[in-house]
Amino acid sequence: MKSLERIGVSLEKELLSDFDKLIKKQGYQSRSEALRDLIRHQLSEQTIENPKTRAIAAIVLVYDHHAAKVMQKLTALQHNHLLETISSMHVHMDSHDCMEIIVLKGTVGDIKKMGEEIVSIKGVKLGKVNLVESHSTHSH
């Protein structure tokens, strides 16, 4: 078991009350669990600001499948890029729109560059790059 160190934190009553409501809604068993997750999240966010950090990303996009050659362009980008495509999933949303989820690994800088290329393809309506550092030193 990891060694724990107790700390004291001073918060305004209203802030603590709002925090307690939030963690109850999210299902945390204790303030300590919620604080540990907040700290891990912030540390991870800081780490992935470095473009050289190794990361895994899910690029989620919605596009009109009738738009000219969107699928071919997406496939070509995945095959011809320096990043490793781990997986992709295709979802038919309605008669026009599809969702594509592409999971990649590489450096944050390369992932962001490819994400920008994908989101800017004509016919893509929405796109988002969700990054997670791949070699986390902050265990859960």
C-alpha atoms as a PDB file:
ATOM      1  CA  MET A   1       0.000   0.000   0.000  1.00  0.00           C
ATOM      2  CA  LYS A   2       1.252   3.477  -0.814  1.00  0.00           C
ATOM      3  CA  SER A   3       2.106   5.726   2.079  1.00  0.00           C
ATOM      4  CA  LEU A   4      -0.380   8.494   2.665  1.00  0.00           C
ATOM      5  CA  GLU A   5       0.284  11.908   4.060  1.00  0.00           C
ATOM      6  CA  ARG A   6      -2.475  13.895   5.689  1.00  0.00           C
ATOM      7  CA  ILE A   7      -2.836  17.572   4.847  1.00  0.00           C
ATOM      8  CA  GLY A   8      -5.188  20.290   5.993  1.00  0.00           C
ATOM      9  CA  VAL A   9      -7.077  22.458   3.537  1.00  0.00           C
ATOM     10  CA  SER A  10      -8.984  25.623   4.400  1.00  0.00           C
ATOM     11  CA  LEU A  11     -12.024  26.423   2.250  1.00  0.00           C
ATOM     12  CA  GLU A  12     -14.879  28.864   2.462  1.00  0.00           C
ATOM     13  CA  LYS A  13     -18.077  27.182   3.722  1.00  0.00           C
ATOM     14  CA  GLU A  14     -19.969  27.872   0.492  1.00  0.00           C
ATOM     15  CA  LEU A  15     -17.147  26.488  -1.650  1.00  0.00           C
ATOM     16  CA  LEU A  16     -16.934  23.345   0.492  1.00  0.00           C
ATOM     17  CA  SER A  17     -20.715  22.912   0.334  1.00  0.00           C
ATOM     18  CA  ASP A  18     -20.658  23.208  -3.467  1.00  0.00           C
ATOM     19  CA  PHE A  19     -17.745  20.744  -3.607  1.00  0.00           C
ATOM     20  CA  ASP A  20     -19.613  18.246  -1.414  1.00  0.00           C
ATOM     21  CA  LYS A  21     -22.671  18.479  -3.702  1.00  0.00           C
ATOM     22  CA  LEU A  22     -20.489  17.940  -6.765  1.00  0.00           C
ATOM     23  CA  ILE A  23     -18.648  14.902  -5.392  1.00  0.00           C
ATOM     24  CA  LYS A  24     -21.883  13.343  -4.143  1.00  0.00           C
ATOM     25  CA  LYS A  25     -23.422  13.796  -7.603  1.00  0.00           C
ATOM     26  CA  GLN A  26     -20.334  12.224  -9.199  1.00  0.00           C
ATOM     27  CA  GLY A  27     -20.403   9.282  -6.796  1.00  0.00           C
ATOM     28  CA  TYR A  28     -17.220   9.837  -4.807  1.00  0.00           C
ATOM     29  CA  GLN A  29     -17.076   8.073  -1.456  1.00  0.00           C
ATOM     30  CA  SER A  30     -14.937  10.778   0.157  1.00  0.00           C
ATOM     31  CA  ARG A  31     -13.490  14.241  -0.291  1.00  0.00           C
ATOM     32  CA  SER A  32     -10.019  12.667  -0.361  1.00  0.00           C
ATOM     33  CA  GLU A  33     -10.866  10.548  -3.408  1.00  0.00           C
ATOM     34  CA  ALA A  34     -12.268  13.555  -5.229  1.00  0.00           C
ATOM     35  CA  LEU A  35      -9.262  15.743  -4.363  1.00  0.00           C
ATOM     36  CA  ARG A  36      -6.816  13.039  -5.519  1.00  0.00           C
ATOM     37  CA  ASP A  37      -8.626  12.822  -8.880  1.00  0.00           C
ATOM     38  CA  LEU A  38      -8.646  16.612  -9.275  1.00  0.00           C
ATOM     39  CA  ILE A  39      -4.907  16.739  -8.587  1.00  0.00           C
ATOM     40  CA  ARG A  40      -4.169  13.859 -11.010  1.00  0.00           C
ATOM     41  CA  HIS A  41      -6.282  15.539 -13.689  1.00  0.00           C
ATOM     42  CA  GLN A  42      -4.479  18.863 -13.294  1.00  0.00           C
ATOM     43  CA  LEU A  43      -1.046  17.194 -13.366  1.00  0.00           C
ATOM     44  CA  SER A  44      -1.997  15.268 -16.499  1.00  0.00           C
ATOM     45  CA  GLU A  45      -3.301  18.429 -18.186  1.00  0.00           C
ATOM     46  CA  GLN A  46      -0.005  20.167 -17.461  1.00  0.00           C
ATOM     47  CA  THR A  47       1.986  17.209 -18.813  1.00  0.00           C
ATOM     48  CA  ILE A  48       0.127  17.089 -22.138  1.00  0.00           C
ATOM     49  CA  GLU A  49       0.865  20.762 -22.776  1.00  0.00           C
ATOM     50  CA  ASN A  50       4.363  19.612 -23.799  1.00  0.00           C
ATOM     51  CA  PRO A  51       4.283  18.750 -27.539  1.00  0.00           C
ATOM     52  CA  LYS A  52       6.924  16.020 -27.012  1.00  0.00           C
ATOM     53  CA  THR A  53       4.914  14.111 -24.395  1.00  0.00           C
ATOM     54  CA  ARG A  54       3.868  10.618 -25.496  1.00  0.00           C
ATOM     55  CA  ALA A  55       0.099  10.401 -25.596  1.00  0.00           C
ATOM     56  CA  ILE A  56      -2.910   8.460 -26.731  1.00  0.00           C
ATOM     57  CA  ALA A  57      -5.807  10.330 -28.291  1.00  0.00           C
ATOM     58  CA  ALA A  58      -9.322   9.729 -29.466  1.00  0.00           C
ATOM     59  CA  ILE A  59     -10.188  11.987 -32.355  1.00  0.00           C
ATOM     60  CA  VAL A  60     -13.972  12.186 -32.548  1.00  0.00           C
ATOM     61  CA  LEU A  61     -15.595  13.696 -35.602  1.00  0.00           C
ATOM     62  CA  VAL A  62     -18.971  13.981 -37.252  1.00  0.00           C
ATOM     63  CA  TYR A  63     -19.186  14.370 -40.999  1.00  0.00           C
ATOM     64  CA  ASP A  64     -21.616  14.175 -43.876  1.00  0.00           C
ATOM     65  CA  HIS A  65     -20.869  10.905 -45.635  1.00  0.00           C
ATOM     66  CA  HIS A  66     -22.154  12.405 -48.889  1.00  0.00           C
ATOM     67  CA  ALA A  67     -19.317  14.958 -48.848  1.00  0.00           C
ATOM     68  CA  ALA A  68     -16.667  14.291 -51.446  1.00  0.00           C
ATOM     69  CA  LYS A  69     -14.220  11.588 -50.432  1.00  0.00           C
ATOM     70  CA  VAL A  70     -14.202  12.237 -46.652  1.00  0.00           C
ATOM     71  CA  MET A  71     -13.717   8.525 -45.870  1.00  0.00           C
ATOM     72  CA  GLN A  72     -10.890   8.177 -48.404  1.00  0.00           C
ATOM     73  CA  LYS A  73      -9.140  11.243 -46.975  1.00  0.00           C
ATOM     74  CA  LEU A  74      -9.513   9.956 -43.403  1.00  0.00           C
ATOM     75  CA  THR A  75      -8.136   6.560 -44.357  1.00  0.00           C
ATOM     76  CA  ALA A  76      -5.219   8.084 -46.274  1.00  0.00           C
ATOM     77  CA  LEU A  77      -4.302  10.300 -43.312  1.00  0.00           C
ATOM     78  CA  GLN A  78      -4.317   7.299 -40.978  1.00  0.00           C
ATOM     79  CA  HIS A  79      -2.126   5.213 -43.306  1.00  0.00           C
ATOM     80  CA  ASN A  80       0.338   7.922 -44.339  1.00  0.00           C
ATOM     81  CA  HIS A  81       1.020   9.613 -41.023  1.00  0.00           C
ATOM     82  CA  LEU A  82       3.863   9.190 -38.545  1.00  0.00           C
ATOM     83  CA  LEU A  83       1.376   8.350 -35.813  1.00  0.00           C
ATOM     84  CA  GLU A  84       0.267   4.844 -34.983  1.00  0.00           C
ATOM     85  CA  THR A  85      -3.438   4.288 -35.507  1.00  0.00           C
ATOM     86  CA  ILE A  86      -4.554   1.898 -32.790  1.00  0.00           C
ATOM     87  CA  SER A  87      -8.184   1.596 -33.791  1.00  0.00           C
ATOM     88  CA  SER A  88     -11.084   3.332 -35.458  1.00  0.00           C
ATOM     89  CA  MET A  89     -14.831   3.003 -35.166  1.00  0.00           C
ATOM     90  CA  HIS A  90     -17.480   4.145 -37.609  1.00  0.00           C
ATOM     91  CA  VAL A  91     -21.038   4.937 -36.483  1.00  0.00           C
ATOM     92  CA  HIS A  92     -23.978   5.683 -38.796  1.00  0.00           C
ATOM     93  CA  MET A  93     -25.897   8.473 -37.029  1.00  0.00           C
ATOM     94  CA  ASP A  94     -28.636   9.159 -39.586  1.00  0.00           C
ATOM     95  CA  SER A  95     -29.140   9.224 -43.348  1.00  0.00           C
ATOM     96  CA  HIS A  96     -26.431  11.877 -43.798  1.00  0.00           C
ATOM     97  CA  ASP A  97     -24.118  11.974 -40.804  1.00  0.00           C
ATOM     98  CA  CYS A  98     -21.513   9.564 -39.557  1.00  0.00           C
ATOM     99  CA  MET A  99     -19.305   9.623 -36.490  1.00  0.00           C
ATOM    100  CA  GLU A 100     -15.744   8.409 -36.707  1.00  0.00           C
ATOM    101  CA  ILE A 101     -13.593   7.759 -33.659  1.00  0.00           C
ATOM    102  CA  ILE A 102      -9.907   7.321 -34.409  1.00  0.00           C
ATOM    103  CA  VAL A 103      -7.563   6.240 -31.616  1.00  0.00           C
ATOM    104  CA  LEU A 104      -3.928   7.229 -32.149  1.00  0.00           C
ATOM    105  CA  LYS A 105      -0.701   7.200 -30.222  1.00  0.00           C
ATOM    106  CA  GLY A 106       2.345   9.391 -30.685  1.00  0.00           C
ATOM    107  CA  THR A 107       3.558  12.734 -29.427  1.00  0.00           C
ATOM    108  CA  VAL A 108       1.106  15.439 -28.395  1.00  0.00           C
ATOM    109  CA  GLY A 109       2.454  17.741 -31.113  1.00  0.00           C
ATOM    110  CA  ASP A 110       1.995  15.145 -33.883  1.00  0.00           C
ATOM    111  CA  ILE A 111      -1.453  14.168 -32.623  1.00  0.00           C
ATOM    112  CA  LYS A 112      -2.621  17.792 -32.515  1.00  0.00           C
ATOM    113  CA  LYS A 113      -1.271  18.376 -36.031  1.00  0.00           C
ATOM    114  CA  MET A 114      -3.123  15.359 -37.395  1.00  0.00           C
ATOM    115  CA  GLY A 115      -6.248  16.355 -35.477  1.00  0.00           C
ATOM    116  CA  GLU A 116      -6.173  19.754 -37.153  1.00  0.00           C
ATOM    117  CA  GLU A 117      -5.751  18.103 -40.565  1.00  0.00           C
ATOM    118  CA  ILE A 118      -8.709  15.812 -39.930  1.00  0.00           C
ATOM    119  CA  VAL A 119     -11.029  18.488 -38.547  1.00  0.00           C
ATOM    120  CA  SER A 120     -10.283  20.755 -41.519  1.00  0.00           C
ATOM    121  CA  ILE A 121     -11.320  18.159 -44.134  1.00  0.00           C
ATOM    122  CA  LYS A 122     -14.219  19.473 -46.199  1.00  0.00           C
ATOM    123  CA  GLY A 123     -17.408  17.773 -45.021  1.00  0.00           C
ATOM    124  CA  VAL A 124     -16.342  17.389 -41.385  1.00  0.00           C
ATOM    125  CA  LYS A 125     -18.973  19.172 -39.286  1.00  0.00           C
ATOM    126  CA  LEU A 126     -17.561  18.688 -35.781  1.00  0.00           C
ATOM    127  CA  GLY A 127     -14.246  17.451 -34.475  1.00  0.00           C
ATOM    128  CA  LYS A 128     -12.483  17.113 -31.158  1.00  0.00           C
ATOM    129  CA  VAL A 129      -9.122  15.735 -30.063  1.00  0.00           C
ATOM    130  CA  ASN A 130      -9.147  14.119 -26.607  1.00  0.00           C
ATOM    131  CA  LEU A 131      -5.610  13.552 -25.291  1.00  0.00           C
ATOM    132  CA  VAL A 132      -4.381  11.374 -22.438  1.00  0.00           C
ATOM    133  CA  GLU A 133      -0.729  10.968 -21.542  1.00  0.00           C
ATOM    134  CA  SER A 134       0.309   7.393 -22.306  1.00  0.00           C
ATOM    135  CA  HIS A 135       3.003   6.952 -19.649  1.00  0.00           C
ATOM    136  CA  SER A 136       1.276   8.344 -16.615  1.00  0.00           C
ATOM    137  CA  THR A 137       3.336   8.549 -13.475  1.00  0.00           C
ATOM    138  CA  HIS A 138       0.216   9.447 -11.523  1.00  0.00           C
ATOM    139  CA  SER A 139      -1.391   6.077 -10.828  1.00  0.00           C
ATOM    140  CA  HIS A 140      -5.066   5.823 -10.034  1.00  0.00           C
END
